[in-house]
């Protein structure tokens, strides 16, 4: 009996290779976070966005507060 990997262990075969998967995933996560933290201030939201941008290696010239 062949053991199938979990879905998180492999790419979704229905997602086109040119699909902006990472940006779509980040937008979904941001929407979920805003729903779970409705009392977060605009400053906290901006700080989180800047932190994620730094982790993704976004150039500082594109980041403003």
PDB file of N, CA and C in Angstrom:
ATOM      1  N   UNK A   1       0.836  -1.179   0.000  1.00  0.00           N
ATOM      2  CA  UNK A   1       0.000   0.000   0.000  1.00  0.00           C
ATOM      3  C   UNK A   1       0.885   1.248   0.000  1.00  0.00           C
ATOM      4  N   UNK A   2       0.694   2.096  -0.992  1.00  0.00           N
ATOM      5  CA  UNK A   2       1.492   3.310  -1.108  1.00  0.00           C
ATOM      6  C   UNK A   2       0.954   4.376  -0.160  1.00  0.00           C
ATOM      7  N   UNK A   3       1.854   5.013   0.550  1.00  0.00           N
ATOM      8  CA  UNK A   3       1.469   6.082   1.472  1.00  0.00           C
ATOM      9  C   UNK A   3       1.482   7.399   0.700  1.00  0.00           C
ATOM     10  N   UNK A   4       0.354   8.069   0.691  1.00  0.00           N
ATOM     11  CA  UNK A   4       0.256   9.349  -0.008  1.00  0.00           C
ATOM     12  C   UNK A   4       0.741  10.471   0.913  1.00  0.00           C
ATOM     13  N   UNK A   5       1.516  11.418   0.371  1.00  0.00           N
ATOM     14  CA  UNK A   5       1.972  12.536   1.211  1.00  0.00           C
ATOM     15  C   UNK A   5       0.804  13.451   1.564  1.00  0.00           C
ATOM     16  N   UNK A   6       0.989  14.172   2.633  1.00  0.00           N
ATOM     17  CA  UNK A   6      -0.017  15.170   3.007  1.00  0.00           C
ATOM     18  C   UNK A   6      -0.053  16.254   1.936  1.00  0.00           C
ATOM     19  N   UNK A   7      -1.160  16.926   1.819  1.00  0.00           N
ATOM     20  CA  UNK A   7      -1.281  17.957   0.789  1.00  0.00           C
ATOM     21  C   UNK A   7      -0.320  19.113   1.017  1.00  0.00           C
ATOM     22  N   UNK A   8       0.074  19.366   2.254  1.00  0.00           N
ATOM     23  CA  UNK A   8       1.006  20.454   2.505  1.00  0.00           C
ATOM     24  C   UNK A   8       2.440  20.075   2.171  1.00  0.00           C
ATOM     25  N   UNK A   9       2.683  18.811   1.841  1.00  0.00           N
ATOM     26  CA  UNK A   9       4.024  18.359   1.493  1.00  0.00           C
ATOM     27  C   UNK A   9       4.325  18.473   0.006  1.00  0.00           C
ATOM     28  N   UNK A  10       3.340  18.779  -0.795  1.00  0.00           N
ATOM     29  CA  UNK A  10       3.569  18.830  -2.237  1.00  0.00           C
ATOM     30  C   UNK A  10       2.750  19.956  -2.862  1.00  0.00           C
ATOM     31  N   UNK A  11       3.150  20.320  -4.052  1.00  0.00           N
ATOM     32  CA  UNK A  11       2.471  21.407  -4.757  1.00  0.00           C
ATOM     33  C   UNK A  11       1.075  20.983  -5.186  1.00  0.00           C
ATOM     34  N   UNK A  12       0.201  21.942  -5.247  1.00  0.00           N
ATOM     35  CA  UNK A  12      -1.150  21.704  -5.741  1.00  0.00           C
ATOM     36  C   UNK A  12      -1.070  21.514  -7.254  1.00  0.00           C
ATOM     37  N   UNK A  13      -1.458  20.357  -7.758  1.00  0.00           N
ATOM     38  CA  UNK A  13      -1.324  20.107  -9.198  1.00  0.00           C
ATOM     39  C   UNK A  13      -2.256  20.951 -10.060  1.00  0.00           C
ATOM     40  N   UNK A  14      -3.252  21.580  -9.468  1.00  0.00           N
ATOM     41  CA  UNK A  14      -4.183  22.388 -10.259  1.00  0.00           C
ATOM     42  C   UNK A  14      -3.781  23.857 -10.327  1.00  0.00           C
ATOM     43  N   UNK A  15      -2.754  24.262  -9.580  1.00  0.00           N
ATOM     44  CA  UNK A  15      -2.303  25.646  -9.600  1.00  0.00           C
ATOM     45  C   UNK A  15      -1.364  25.850 -10.790  1.00  0.00           C
ATOM     46  N   UNK A  16      -1.695  26.764 -11.698  1.00  0.00           N
ATOM     47  CA  UNK A  16      -0.809  27.017 -12.841  1.00  0.00           C
ATOM     48  C   UNK A  16       0.566  27.491 -12.374  1.00  0.00           C
ATOM     49  N   UNK A  17       1.598  27.134 -13.094  1.00  0.00           N
ATOM     50  CA  UNK A  17       2.961  27.465 -12.694  1.00  0.00           C
ATOM     51  C   UNK A  17       3.183  28.978 -12.609  1.00  0.00           C
ATOM     52  N   UNK A  18       2.489  29.751 -13.428  1.00  0.00           N
ATOM     53  CA  UNK A  18       2.671  31.206 -13.427  1.00  0.00           C
ATOM     54  C   UNK A  18       1.760  31.914 -12.423  1.00  0.00           C
ATOM     55  N   UNK A  19       1.013  31.159 -11.646  1.00  0.00           N
ATOM     56  CA  UNK A  19       0.094  31.753 -10.679  1.00  0.00           C
ATOM     57  C   UNK A  19       0.866  32.444  -9.557  1.00  0.00           C
ATOM     58  N   UNK A  20       0.445  33.652  -9.149  1.00  0.00           N
ATOM     59  CA  UNK A  20       1.107  34.348  -8.047  1.00  0.00           C
ATOM     60  C   UNK A  20       0.690  33.737  -6.703  1.00  0.00           C
ATOM     61  N   UNK A  21       1.030  32.479  -6.492  1.00  0.00           N
ATOM     62  CA  UNK A  21       0.579  31.724  -5.325  1.00  0.00           C
ATOM     63  C   UNK A  21       0.970  32.393  -4.010  1.00  0.00           C
ATOM     64  N   UNK A  22       2.214  32.859  -3.915  1.00  0.00           N
ATOM     65  CA  UNK A  22       2.681  33.447  -2.657  1.00  0.00           C
ATOM     66  C   UNK A  22       1.901  34.712  -2.314  1.00  0.00           C
ATOM     67  N   UNK A  23       1.704  35.575  -3.285  1.00  0.00           N
ATOM     68  CA  UNK A  23       0.978  36.814  -2.990  1.00  0.00           C
ATOM     69  C   UNK A  23      -0.476  36.532  -2.628  1.00  0.00           C
ATOM     70  N   UNK A  24      -1.095  35.574  -3.293  1.00  0.00           N
ATOM     71  CA  UNK A  24      -2.473  35.201  -2.965  1.00  0.00           C
ATOM     72  C   UNK A  24      -2.540  34.646  -1.546  1.00  0.00           C
ATOM     73  N   UNK A  25      -1.577  33.806  -1.200  1.00  0.00           N
ATOM     74  CA  UNK A  25      -1.531  33.221   0.139  1.00  0.00           C
ATOM     75  C   UNK A  25      -1.330  34.301   1.207  1.00  0.00           C
ATOM     76  N   UNK A  26      -0.444  35.254   0.927  1.00  0.00           N
ATOM     77  CA  UNK A  26      -0.206  36.335   1.884  1.00  0.00           C
ATOM     78  C   UNK A  26      -1.446  37.203   2.067  1.00  0.00           C
ATOM     79  N   UNK A  27      -2.164  37.472   0.988  1.00  0.00           N
ATOM     80  CA  UNK A  27      -3.393  38.257   1.104  1.00  0.00           C
ATOM     81  C   UNK A  27      -4.442  37.526   1.927  1.00  0.00           C
ATOM     82  N   UNK A  28      -4.569  36.230   1.717  1.00  0.00           N
ATOM     83  CA  UNK A  28      -5.530  35.447   2.510  1.00  0.00           C
ATOM     84  C   UNK A  28      -5.154  35.470   3.986  1.00  0.00           C
ATOM     85  N   UNK A  29      -3.864  35.321   4.262  1.00  0.00           N
ATOM     86  CA  UNK A  29      -3.396  35.337   5.645  1.00  0.00           C
ATOM     87  C   UNK A  29      -3.654  36.701   6.282  1.00  0.00           C
ATOM     88  N   UNK A  30      -3.416  37.775   5.539  1.00  0.00           N
ATOM     89  CA  UNK A  30      -3.656  39.125   6.062  1.00  0.00           C
ATOM     90  C   UNK A  30      -5.133  39.337   6.365  1.00  0.00           C
ATOM     91  N   UNK A  31      -6.002  38.865   5.487  1.00  0.00           N
ATOM     92  CA  UNK A  31      -7.442  38.993   5.726  1.00  0.00           C
ATOM     93  C   UNK A  31      -7.859  38.212   6.967  1.00  0.00           C
ATOM     94  N   UNK A  32      -7.317  37.011   7.121  1.00  0.00           N
ATOM     95  CA  UNK A  32      -7.623  36.202   8.297  1.00  0.00           C
ATOM     96  C   UNK A  32      -7.120  36.894   9.556  1.00  0.00           C
ATOM     97  N   UNK A  33      -5.893  37.406   9.514  1.00  0.00           N
ATOM     98  CA  UNK A  33      -5.324  38.084  10.674  1.00  0.00           C
ATOM     99  C   UNK A  33      -6.186  39.284  11.053  1.00  0.00           C
ATOM    100  N   UNK A  34      -6.627  40.062  10.066  1.00  0.00           N
ATOM    101  CA  UNK A  34      -7.439  41.243  10.383  1.00  0.00           C
ATOM    102  C   UNK A  34      -8.785  40.846  10.986  1.00  0.00           C
ATOM    103  N   UNK A  35      -9.305  39.701  10.579  1.00  0.00           N
ATOM    104  CA  UNK A  35     -10.561  39.210  11.151  1.00  0.00           C
ATOM    105  C   UNK A  35     -10.351  38.748  12.592  1.00  0.00           C
ATOM    106  N   UNK A  36      -9.230  38.083  12.851  1.00  0.00           N
ATOM    107  CA  UNK A  36      -8.956  37.556  14.189  1.00  0.00           C
ATOM    108  C   UNK A  36      -8.467  38.633  15.158  1.00  0.00           C
ATOM    109  N   UNK A  37      -7.982  39.758  14.628  1.00  0.00           N
ATOM    110  CA  UNK A  37      -7.482  40.855  15.462  1.00  0.00           C
ATOM    111  C   UNK A  37      -8.168  42.165  15.069  1.00  0.00           C
ATOM    112  N   UNK A  38      -9.485  42.251  15.251  1.00  0.00           N
ATOM    113  CA  UNK A  38     -10.207  43.447  14.801  1.00  0.00           C
ATOM    114  C   UNK A  38      -9.829  44.713  15.563  1.00  0.00           C
ATOM    115  N   UNK A  39      -9.268  44.565  16.754  1.00  0.00           N
ATOM    116  CA  UNK A  39      -8.906  45.732  17.546  1.00  0.00           C
ATOM    117  C   UNK A  39      -7.503  46.241  17.285  1.00  0.00           C
ATOM    118  N   UNK A  40      -6.797  45.631  16.343  1.00  0.00           N
ATOM    119  CA  UNK A  40      -5.434  46.061  16.050  1.00  0.00           C
ATOM    120  C   UNK A  40      -5.449  47.467  15.465  1.00  0.00           C
ATOM    121  N   UNK A  41      -4.493  48.261  15.892  1.00  0.00           N
ATOM    122  CA  UNK A  41      -4.411  49.627  15.378  1.00  0.00           C
ATOM    123  C   UNK A  41      -3.804  49.622  13.978  1.00  0.00           C
ATOM    124  N   UNK A  42      -3.957  50.734  13.284  1.00  0.00           N
ATOM    125  CA  UNK A  42      -3.359  50.858  11.949  1.00  0.00           C
ATOM    126  C   UNK A  42      -1.841  50.727  12.048  1.00  0.00           C
ATOM    127  N   UNK A  43      -1.265  51.276  13.114  1.00  0.00           N
ATOM    128  CA  UNK A  43       0.179  51.174  13.318  1.00  0.00           C
ATOM    129  C   UNK A  43       0.646  49.735  13.462  1.00  0.00           C
ATOM    130  N   UNK A  44      -0.117  48.929  14.199  1.00  0.00           N
ATOM    131  CA  UNK A  44       0.230  47.517  14.358  1.00  0.00           C
ATOM    132  C   UNK A  44       0.139  46.782  13.022  1.00  0.00           C
ATOM    133  N   UNK A  45      -0.862  47.121  12.240  1.00  0.00           N
ATOM    134  CA  UNK A  45      -1.029  46.479  10.928  1.00  0.00           C
ATOM    135  C   UNK A  45       0.127  46.845   9.990  1.00  0.00           C
ATOM    136  N   UNK A  46       0.519  48.116  10.012  1.00  0.00           N
ATOM    137  CA  UNK A  46       1.635  48.564   9.178  1.00  0.00           C
ATOM    138  C   UNK A  46       2.925  47.895   9.635  1.00  0.00           C
ATOM    139  N   UNK A  47       3.144  47.823  10.944  1.00  0.00           N
ATOM    140  CA  UNK A  47       4.351  47.185  11.471  1.00  0.00           C
ATOM    141  C   UNK A  47       4.426  45.722  11.047  1.00  0.00           C
ATOM    142  N   UNK A  48       3.311  45.025  11.089  1.00  0.00           N
ATOM    143  CA  UNK A  48       3.287  43.628  10.665  1.00  0.00           C
ATOM    144  C   UNK A  48       3.597  43.507   9.174  1.00  0.00           C
ATOM    145  N   UNK A  49       2.995  44.375   8.371  1.00  0.00           N
ATOM    146  CA  UNK A  49       3.247  44.343   6.926  1.00  0.00           C
ATOM    147  C   UNK A  49       4.716  44.618   6.619  1.00  0.00           C
ATOM    148  N   UNK A  50       5.321  45.570   7.325  1.00  0.00           N
ATOM    149  CA  UNK A  50       6.735  45.874   7.115  1.00  0.00           C
ATOM    150  C   UNK A  50       7.623  44.708   7.534  1.00  0.00           C
ATOM    151  N   UNK A  51       7.272  44.055   8.626  1.00  0.00           N
ATOM    152  CA  UNK A  51       8.051  42.908   9.088  1.00  0.00           C
ATOM    153  C   UNK A  51       8.002  41.769   8.072  1.00  0.00           C
ATOM    154  N   UNK A  52       6.827  41.497   7.542  1.00  0.00           N
ATOM    155  CA  UNK A  52       6.686  40.447   6.527  1.00  0.00           C
ATOM    156  C   UNK A  52       7.475  40.821   5.279  1.00  0.00           C
ATOM    157  N   UNK A  53       7.406  42.080   4.870  1.00  0.00           N
ATOM    158  CA  UNK A  53       8.151  42.529   3.692  1.00  0.00           C
ATOM    159  C   UNK A  53       9.651  42.329   3.883  1.00  0.00           C
ATOM    160  N   UNK A  54      10.157  42.648   5.070  1.00  0.00           N
ATOM    161  CA  UNK A  54      11.582  42.442   5.350  1.00  0.00           C
ATOM    162  C   UNK A  54      11.947  40.969   5.277  1.00  0.00           C
ATOM    163  N   UNK A  55      11.098  40.101   5.837  1.00  0.00           N
ATOM    164  CA  UNK A  55      11.361  38.660   5.805  1.00  0.00           C
ATOM    165  C   UNK A  55      11.377  38.121   4.374  1.00  0.00           C
ATOM    166  N   UNK A  56      10.574  38.743   3.508  1.00  0.00           N
ATOM    167  CA  UNK A  56      10.513  38.313   2.110  1.00  0.00           C
ATOM    168  C   UNK A  56      11.615  38.942   1.266  1.00  0.00           C
ATOM    169  N   UNK A  57      12.396  39.832   1.865  1.00  0.00           N
ATOM    170  CA  UNK A  57      13.505  40.441   1.145  1.00  0.00           C
ATOM    171  C   UNK A  57      13.117  41.603   0.251  1.00  0.00           C
ATOM    172  N   UNK A  58      12.012  42.267   0.570  1.00  0.00           N
ATOM    173  CA  UNK A  58      11.591  43.427  -0.216  1.00  0.00           C
ATOM    174  C   UNK A  58      12.594  44.551   0.014  1.00  0.00           C
ATOM    175  N   UNK A  59      13.002  45.200  -1.057  1.00  0.00           N
ATOM    176  CA  UNK A  59      13.961  46.290  -0.977  1.00  0.00           C
ATOM    177  C   UNK A  59      13.393  47.433  -0.136  1.00  0.00           C
ATOM    178  N   UNK A  60      14.247  48.063   0.656  1.00  0.00           N
ATOM    179  CA  UNK A  60      13.820  49.147   1.549  1.00  0.00           C
ATOM    180  C   UNK A  60      13.231  50.324   0.782  1.00  0.00           C
ATOM    181  N   UNK A  61      13.618  50.494  -0.480  1.00  0.00           N
ATOM    182  CA  UNK A  61      13.091  51.620  -1.261  1.00  0.00           C
ATOM    183  C   UNK A  61      11.591  51.491  -1.517  1.00  0.00           C
ATOM    184  N   UNK A  62      11.059  50.274  -1.414  1.00  0.00           N
ATOM    185  CA  UNK A  62       9.633  50.051  -1.639  1.00  0.00           C
ATOM    186  C   UNK A  62       8.819  50.092  -0.354  1.00  0.00           C
ATOM    187  N   UNK A  63       9.493  50.182   0.785  1.00  0.00           N
ATOM    188  CA  UNK A  63       8.790  50.162   2.069  1.00  0.00           C
ATOM    189  C   UNK A  63       8.774  51.556   2.670  1.00  0.00           C
ATOM    190  N   UNK A  64       7.584  52.039   2.988  1.00  0.00           N
ATOM    191  CA  UNK A  64       7.438  53.322   3.665  1.00  0.00           C
ATOM    192  C   UNK A  64       6.452  53.152   4.799  1.00  0.00           C
ATOM    193  N   UNK A  65       6.621  53.952   5.807  1.00  0.00           N
ATOM    194  CA  UNK A  65       5.692  53.892   6.941  1.00  0.00           C
ATOM    195  C   UNK A  65       4.657  54.968   6.829  1.00  0.00           C
TER     196      UNK A  65
END
